[in-house]
Protein backbone atom coordinates (compact mmCIF):
# COMPACT_ATOMS: atom_id res chain seq x y z
CA MET A 1 2.54 14.08 -19.34
CA SER A 2 -1.08 13.58 -18.33
CA HIS A 3 -2.14 11.37 -15.44
CA THR A 4 -5.63 10.03 -14.96
CA ILE A 5 -6.65 8.92 -11.48
CA LYS A 6 -9.25 6.20 -11.54
CA PRO A 7 -11.13 5.24 -8.38
CA THR A 8 -10.30 1.88 -6.85
CA SER A 9 -13.90 0.77 -6.77
CA ASP A 10 -13.47 -2.88 -5.82
CA LEU A 11 -10.59 -4.29 -3.84
CA SER A 12 -12.73 -6.98 -2.20
CA ASP A 13 -10.80 -9.78 -3.93
CA ALA A 14 -7.39 -8.31 -3.09
CA ARG A 15 -5.09 -10.56 -1.04
CA TRP A 16 -3.83 -8.15 1.60
CA ARG A 17 -0.51 -8.80 3.35
CA LYS A 18 1.02 -7.22 6.42
CA SER A 19 4.76 -7.20 6.96
CA SER A 20 6.18 -9.86 9.25
CA TYR A 21 8.20 -6.99 10.76
CA SER A 22 5.11 -5.20 12.00
CA GLY A 23 5.49 -4.96 15.73
CA GLY A 24 1.83 -5.01 16.72
CA ASN A 25 1.89 -1.33 17.70
CA GLY A 26 -0.97 -0.46 15.35
CA ALA A 27 1.19 1.61 12.97
CA CYS A 28 0.99 -0.86 10.10
CA VAL A 29 0.04 -0.80 6.46
CA GLU A 30 -1.19 -3.69 4.36
CA ALA A 31 -0.38 -4.16 0.70
CA ALA A 32 -1.94 -6.16 -2.12
CA ALA A 33 -0.98 -6.70 -5.74
CA VAL A 34 -3.78 -5.48 -8.00
CA GLY A 35 -2.90 -6.10 -11.61
CA HIS A 36 0.30 -4.16 -12.29
CA ARG A 37 -0.20 -1.89 -9.27
CA ILE A 38 0.14 -2.17 -5.51
CA ALA A 39 -2.76 -1.18 -3.26
CA VAL A 40 -1.82 0.09 0.21
CA ARG A 41 -4.15 0.65 3.16
CA ASP A 42 -4.08 1.33 6.89
CA SER A 43 -4.39 -1.98 8.75
CA LYS A 44 -6.47 -0.29 11.48
CA ASN A 45 -9.05 0.77 8.90
CA PRO A 46 -9.39 -1.98 6.28
CA ALA A 47 -12.71 -0.58 5.03
CA GLY A 48 -11.15 2.86 4.55
CA PRO A 49 -9.42 4.30 1.52
CA ALA A 50 -6.49 2.64 -0.22
CA LEU A 51 -3.69 4.14 -2.27
CA LEU A 52 -2.98 2.55 -5.64
CA LEU A 53 0.73 2.83 -6.50
CA THR A 54 2.76 1.93 -9.54
CA GLN A 55 5.36 -0.78 -8.97
CA HIS A 56 8.09 1.87 -9.25
CA ALA A 57 6.44 4.07 -6.60
CA TRP A 58 6.03 1.03 -4.31
CA ARG A 59 9.71 0.11 -4.64
CA SER A 60 10.70 3.72 -3.93
CA PHE A 61 8.50 3.74 -0.82
CA ILE A 62 9.95 0.47 0.47
CA ARG A 63 13.50 1.72 -0.15
CA ALA A 64 12.78 4.99 1.71
CA VAL A 65 11.35 3.10 4.69
CA ALA A 66 14.31 0.70 4.78
CA GLU A 67 16.74 3.63 4.70
CA GLY A 68 14.95 5.42 7.55
CA GLU A 69 13.63 8.31 5.47
CA CYS A 70 10.01 7.94 6.67
CA GLY A 71 10.22 8.37 10.38
């Protein structure tokens, strides 16, 4: 299987959301739906890079966080 990584050149119209569970400690990510993918970025650095995940990868990430596997 071949994967092509395309740069996320323009996320300026993305509607970024931060979890209501974020405790204000600065360790937050923001997410935005971009077509059929989910963009994720560091809330402390909104102009920085963003990851572009498939919906499956996003669900797996959320599940891992909820089950305490990421910390």
